[in-house]
Structures are given as structure tokens and as C-alpha cells.
């Protein structure tokens, strides 16, 4: 893997981590149970995506 490709993966990992953090923060603030569940599921999917990107390294 080239250095540039590694930089792309590193950038993607950063974006996924940021989005997962924001989803978790938002879910904690939500009152609507259904919406909260949806946002928590988004956070979980971001965690799965992080694992996939990380496995490339």
C-alpha cells in the first residue's frame, strides 16, 4: 500500500471516529426513543466501518 493510500485510510478513520462520537453525543441528548435508537444504530455502524477500514492497515 502506498503512503498516499495510507493517508486516505487514516483520513477515513478520523472521519468515521468523528461521526461515531457525534452520533453518541446526539443520542444521549435525544428524548424521542425511536429517534435515539436510530442514531445509536448509526453510531454502531460507524464502529463497524472503522473496524473494516482499520483491517486494511
PDB file of N, CA and C in Angstrom:
ATOM      1  N   UNK A   1       0.847  -1.169   0.000  1.00  0.00           N
ATOM      2  CA  UNK A   1       0.000   0.000   0.000  1.00  0.00           C
ATOM      3  C   UNK A   1       0.897   1.237   0.000  1.00  0.00           C
ATOM      4  N   UNK A   2       0.557   2.187  -0.834  1.00  0.00           N
ATOM      5  CA  UNK A   2       1.383   3.385  -0.957  1.00  0.00           C
ATOM      6  C   UNK A   2       1.148   4.333   0.229  1.00  0.00           C
ATOM      7  N   UNK A   3       2.092   5.226   0.459  1.00  0.00           N
ATOM      8  CA  UNK A   3       1.912   6.206   1.533  1.00  0.00           C
ATOM      9  C   UNK A   3       0.652   7.057   1.341  1.00  0.00           C
ATOM     10  N   UNK A   4       0.342   7.375   0.094  1.00  0.00           N
ATOM     11  CA  UNK A   4      -0.847   8.180  -0.163  1.00  0.00           C
ATOM     12  C   UNK A   4      -2.123   7.404   0.184  1.00  0.00           C
ATOM     13  N   UNK A   5      -2.142   6.121  -0.129  1.00  0.00           N
ATOM     14  CA  UNK A   5      -3.299   5.291   0.213  1.00  0.00           C
ATOM     15  C   UNK A   5      -3.458   5.185   1.728  1.00  0.00           C
ATOM     16  N   UNK A   6      -2.349   5.077   2.429  1.00  0.00           N
ATOM     17  CA  UNK A   6      -2.412   5.035   3.886  1.00  0.00           C
ATOM     18  C   UNK A   6      -2.963   6.333   4.456  1.00  0.00           C
ATOM     19  N   UNK A   7      -2.598   7.439   3.838  1.00  0.00           N
ATOM     20  CA  UNK A   7      -3.144   8.727   4.278  1.00  0.00           C
ATOM     21  C   UNK A   7      -4.647   8.793   4.064  1.00  0.00           C
ATOM     22  N   UNK A   8      -5.124   8.239   2.953  1.00  0.00           N
ATOM     23  CA  UNK A   8      -6.562   8.191   2.697  1.00  0.00           C
ATOM     24  C   UNK A   8      -7.282   7.370   3.762  1.00  0.00           C
ATOM     25  N   UNK A   9      -6.698   6.243   4.126  1.00  0.00           N
ATOM     26  CA  UNK A   9      -7.315   5.394   5.145  1.00  0.00           C
ATOM     27  C   UNK A   9      -7.285   6.085   6.504  1.00  0.00           C
ATOM     28  N   UNK A  10      -6.174   6.725   6.816  1.00  0.00           N
ATOM     29  CA  UNK A  10      -6.074   7.463   8.076  1.00  0.00           C
ATOM     30  C   UNK A  10      -7.129   8.567   8.137  1.00  0.00           C
ATOM     31  N   UNK A  11      -7.313   9.262   7.051  1.00  0.00           N
ATOM     32  CA  UNK A  11      -8.327  10.318   6.977  1.00  0.00           C
ATOM     33  C   UNK A  11      -9.726   9.726   7.158  1.00  0.00           C
ATOM     34  N   UNK A  12      -9.990   8.613   6.509  1.00  0.00           N
ATOM     35  CA  UNK A  12     -11.293   7.961   6.632  1.00  0.00           C
ATOM     36  C   UNK A  12     -11.539   7.514   8.072  1.00  0.00           C
ATOM     37  N   UNK A  13     -10.515   6.977   8.725  1.00  0.00           N
ATOM     38  CA  UNK A  13     -10.657   6.572  10.122  1.00  0.00           C
ATOM     39  C   UNK A  13     -11.006   7.765  11.010  1.00  0.00           C
ATOM     40  N   UNK A  14     -10.383   8.884  10.747  1.00  0.00           N
ATOM     41  CA  UNK A  14     -10.683  10.092  11.510  1.00  0.00           C
ATOM     42  C   UNK A  14     -12.112  10.554  11.319  1.00  0.00           C
ATOM     43  N   UNK A  15     -12.593  10.504  10.085  1.00  0.00           N
ATOM     44  CA  UNK A  15     -13.966  10.921   9.800  1.00  0.00           C
ATOM     45  C   UNK A  15     -14.973   9.985  10.453  1.00  0.00           C
ATOM     46  N   UNK A  16     -14.707   8.697  10.374  1.00  0.00           N
ATOM     47  CA  UNK A  16     -15.612   7.711  10.967  1.00  0.00           C
ATOM     48  C   UNK A  16     -15.656   7.882  12.488  1.00  0.00           C
ATOM     49  N   UNK A  17     -14.500   8.085  13.092  1.00  0.00           N
ATOM     50  CA  UNK A  17     -14.437   8.283  14.542  1.00  0.00           C
ATOM     51  C   UNK A  17     -15.202   9.529  14.949  1.00  0.00           C
ATOM     52  N   UNK A  18     -15.024  10.602  14.203  1.00  0.00           N
ATOM     53  CA  UNK A  18     -15.733  11.849  14.493  1.00  0.00           C
ATOM     54  C   UNK A  18     -17.241  11.645  14.400  1.00  0.00           C
ATOM     55  N   UNK A  19     -17.691  10.999  13.332  1.00  0.00           N
ATOM     56  CA  UNK A  19     -19.124  10.787  13.145  1.00  0.00           C
ATOM     57  C   UNK A  19     -19.694   9.890  14.243  1.00  0.00           C
ATOM     58  N   UNK A  20     -18.951   8.858  14.621  1.00  0.00           N
ATOM     59  CA  UNK A  20     -19.427   7.973  15.684  1.00  0.00           C
ATOM     60  C   UNK A  20     -19.560   8.742  17.001  1.00  0.00           C
ATOM     61  N   UNK A  21     -18.585   9.571  17.306  1.00  0.00           N
ATOM     62  CA  UNK A  21     -18.627  10.380  18.526  1.00  0.00           C
ATOM     63  C   UNK A  21     -19.833  11.313  18.519  1.00  0.00           C
ATOM     64  N   UNK A  22     -20.071  11.977  17.397  1.00  0.00           N
ATOM     65  CA  UNK A  22     -21.200  12.906  17.304  1.00  0.00           C
ATOM     66  C   UNK A  22     -22.533  12.169  17.423  1.00  0.00           C
ATOM     67  N   UNK A  23     -22.613  10.975  16.842  1.00  0.00           N
ATOM     68  CA  UNK A  23     -23.847  10.182  16.954  1.00  0.00           C
ATOM     69  C   UNK A  23     -24.111   9.814  18.418  1.00  0.00           C
ATOM     70  N   UNK A  24     -23.073   9.389  19.103  1.00  0.00           N
ATOM     71  CA  UNK A  24     -23.238   9.018  20.519  1.00  0.00           C
ATOM     72  C   UNK A  24     -23.641  10.220  21.367  1.00  0.00           C
ATOM     73  N   UNK A  25     -22.997  11.358  21.130  1.00  0.00           N
ATOM     74  CA  UNK A  25     -23.345  12.572  21.871  1.00  0.00           C
ATOM     75  C   UNK A  25     -24.786  12.977  21.607  1.00  0.00           C
ATOM     76  N   UNK A  26     -25.188  12.902  20.354  1.00  0.00           N
ATOM     77  CA  UNK A  26     -26.547  13.283  19.982  1.00  0.00           C
ATOM     78  C   UNK A  26     -27.565  12.326  20.593  1.00  0.00           C
ATOM     79  N   UNK A  27     -27.272  11.035  20.548  1.00  0.00           N
ATOM     80  CA  UNK A  27     -28.199  10.035  21.091  1.00  0.00           C
ATOM     81  C   UNK A  27     -28.449  10.276  22.576  1.00  0.00           C
ATOM     82  N   UNK A  28     -27.421  10.699  23.297  1.00  0.00           N
ATOM     83  CA  UNK A  28     -27.591  10.942  24.732  1.00  0.00           C
ATOM     84  C   UNK A  28     -28.513  12.129  25.002  1.00  0.00           C
ATOM     85  N   UNK A  29     -28.642  13.031  24.047  1.00  0.00           N
ATOM     86  CA  UNK A  29     -29.450  14.223  24.237  1.00  0.00           C
ATOM     87  C   UNK A  29     -30.892  14.068  23.751  1.00  0.00           C
ATOM     88  N   UNK A  30     -31.148  13.028  22.986  1.00  0.00           N
ATOM     89  CA  UNK A  30     -32.473  12.861  22.396  1.00  0.00           C
ATOM     90  C   UNK A  30     -33.481  12.337  23.403  1.00  0.00           C
ATOM     91  N   UNK A  31     -34.703  12.836  23.300  1.00  0.00           N
ATOM     92  CA  UNK A  31     -35.805  12.397  24.153  1.00  0.00           C
ATOM     93  C   UNK A  31     -36.646  11.327  23.462  1.00  0.00           C
ATOM     94  N   UNK A  32     -36.792  11.445  22.147  1.00  0.00           N
ATOM     95  CA  UNK A  32     -37.599  10.515  21.373  1.00  0.00           C
ATOM     96  C   UNK A  32     -36.884   9.162  21.298  1.00  0.00           C
ATOM     97  N   UNK A  33     -37.511   8.124  21.845  1.00  0.00           N
ATOM     98  CA  UNK A  33     -36.875   6.804  21.935  1.00  0.00           C
ATOM     99  C   UNK A  33     -36.568   6.212  20.559  1.00  0.00           C
ATOM    100  N   UNK A  34     -37.485   6.373  19.624  1.00  0.00           N
ATOM    101  CA  UNK A  34     -37.289   5.805  18.285  1.00  0.00           C
ATOM    102  C   UNK A  34     -36.118   6.488  17.579  1.00  0.00           C
ATOM    103  N   UNK A  35     -36.084   7.797  17.654  1.00  0.00           N
ATOM    104  CA  UNK A  35     -35.002   8.549  17.027  1.00  0.00           C
ATOM    105  C   UNK A  35     -33.670   8.235  17.704  1.00  0.00           C
ATOM    106  N   UNK A  36     -33.701   8.126  19.029  1.00  0.00           N
ATOM    107  CA  UNK A  36     -32.492   7.793  19.778  1.00  0.00           C
ATOM    108  C   UNK A  36     -31.949   6.436  19.333  1.00  0.00           C
ATOM    109  N   UNK A  37     -32.829   5.470  19.148  1.00  0.00           N
ATOM    110  CA  UNK A  37     -32.418   4.143  18.688  1.00  0.00           C
ATOM    111  C   UNK A  37     -31.779   4.217  17.310  1.00  0.00           C
ATOM    112  N   UNK A  38     -32.362   5.006  16.422  1.00  0.00           N
ATOM    113  CA  UNK A  38     -31.816   5.150  15.065  1.00  0.00           C
ATOM    114  C   UNK A  38     -30.410   5.741  15.107  1.00  0.00           C
ATOM    115  N   UNK A  39     -30.220   6.760  15.913  1.00  0.00           N
ATOM    116  CA  UNK A  39     -28.916   7.417  15.996  1.00  0.00           C
ATOM    117  C   UNK A  39     -27.886   6.477  16.648  1.00  0.00           C
ATOM    118  N   UNK A  40     -28.311   5.700  17.646  1.00  0.00           N
ATOM    119  CA  UNK A  40     -27.412   4.726  18.257  1.00  0.00           C
ATOM    120  C   UNK A  40     -26.998   3.661  17.243  1.00  0.00           C
ATOM    121  N   UNK A  41     -27.922   3.256  16.388  1.00  0.00           N
ATOM    122  CA  UNK A  41     -27.599   2.296  15.337  1.00  0.00           C
ATOM    123  C   UNK A  41     -26.603   2.886  14.339  1.00  0.00           C
ATOM    124  N   UNK A  42     -26.749   4.176  14.050  1.00  0.00           N
ATOM    125  CA  UNK A  42     -25.786   4.841  13.166  1.00  0.00           C
ATOM    126  C   UNK A  42     -24.396   4.815  13.800  1.00  0.00           C
ATOM    127  N   UNK A  43     -24.325   5.069  15.103  1.00  0.00           N
ATOM    128  CA  UNK A  43     -23.037   5.037  15.805  1.00  0.00           C
ATOM    129  C   UNK A  43     -22.430   3.640  15.734  1.00  0.00           C
ATOM    130  N   UNK A  44     -23.261   2.626  15.893  1.00  0.00           N
ATOM    131  CA  UNK A  44     -22.778   1.251  15.827  1.00  0.00           C
ATOM    132  C   UNK A  44     -22.244   0.923  14.427  1.00  0.00           C
ATOM    133  N   UNK A  45     -22.943   1.375  13.405  1.00  0.00           N
ATOM    134  CA  UNK A  45     -22.495   1.125  12.034  1.00  0.00           C
ATOM    135  C   UNK A  45     -21.172   1.828  11.757  1.00  0.00           C
ATOM    136  N   UNK A  46     -20.988   2.998  12.353  1.00  0.00           N
ATOM    137  CA  UNK A  46     -19.714   3.702  12.188  1.00  0.00           C
ATOM    138  C   UNK A  46     -18.589   2.903  12.832  1.00  0.00           C
ATOM    139  N   UNK A  47     -18.884   2.263  13.970  1.00  0.00           N
ATOM    140  CA  UNK A  47     -17.886   1.410  14.620  1.00  0.00           C
ATOM    141  C   UNK A  47     -17.503   0.228  13.741  1.00  0.00           C
ATOM    142  N   UNK A  48     -18.486  -0.347  13.069  1.00  0.00           N
ATOM    143  CA  UNK A  48     -18.226  -1.455  12.153  1.00  0.00           C
ATOM    144  C   UNK A  48     -17.388  -0.981  10.960  1.00  0.00           C
ATOM    145  N   UNK A  49     -17.718   0.202  10.463  1.00  0.00           N
ATOM    146  CA  UNK A  49     -16.968   0.764   9.347  1.00  0.00           C
ATOM    147  C   UNK A  49     -15.520   1.043   9.760  1.00  0.00           C
ATOM    148  N   UNK A  50     -15.345   1.543  10.975  1.00  0.00           N
ATOM    149  CA  UNK A  50     -13.996   1.784  11.481  1.00  0.00           C
ATOM    150  C   UNK A  50     -13.196   0.488  11.479  1.00  0.00           C
ATOM    151  N   UNK A  51     -13.806  -0.592  11.953  1.00  0.00           N
ATOM    152  CA  UNK A  51     -13.112  -1.885  12.005  1.00  0.00           C
ATOM    153  C   UNK A  51     -12.718  -2.346  10.605  1.00  0.00           C
ATOM    154  N   UNK A  52     -13.581  -2.109   9.625  1.00  0.00           N
ATOM    155  CA  UNK A  52     -13.261  -2.506   8.244  1.00  0.00           C
ATOM    156  C   UNK A  52     -12.089  -1.699   7.694  1.00  0.00           C
ATOM    157  N   UNK A  53     -12.122  -0.396   7.922  1.00  0.00           N
ATOM    158  CA  UNK A  53     -11.009   0.444   7.466  1.00  0.00           C
ATOM    159  C   UNK A  53      -9.718   0.057   8.180  1.00  0.00           C
ATOM    160  N   UNK A  54      -9.815  -0.176   9.478  1.00  0.00           N
ATOM    161  CA  UNK A  54      -8.631  -0.499  10.277  1.00  0.00           C
ATOM    162  C   UNK A  54      -8.006  -1.813   9.827  1.00  0.00           C
ATOM    163  N   UNK A  55      -8.841  -2.735   9.411  1.00  0.00           N
ATOM    164  CA  UNK A  55      -8.321  -4.033   8.959  1.00  0.00           C
ATOM    165  C   UNK A  55      -7.501  -3.896   7.671  1.00  0.00           C
ATOM    166  N   UNK A  56      -7.682  -2.806   6.959  1.00  0.00           N
ATOM    167  CA  UNK A  56      -6.894  -2.584   5.750  1.00  0.00           C
ATOM    168  C   UNK A  56      -5.446  -2.226   6.063  1.00  0.00           C
ATOM    169  N   UNK A  57      -5.249  -1.720   7.258  1.00  0.00           N
ATOM    170  CA  UNK A  57      -3.906  -1.280   7.653  1.00  0.00           C
ATOM    171  C   UNK A  57      -3.155  -2.425   8.145  1.00  0.00           C
TER     172      UNK A  57
END
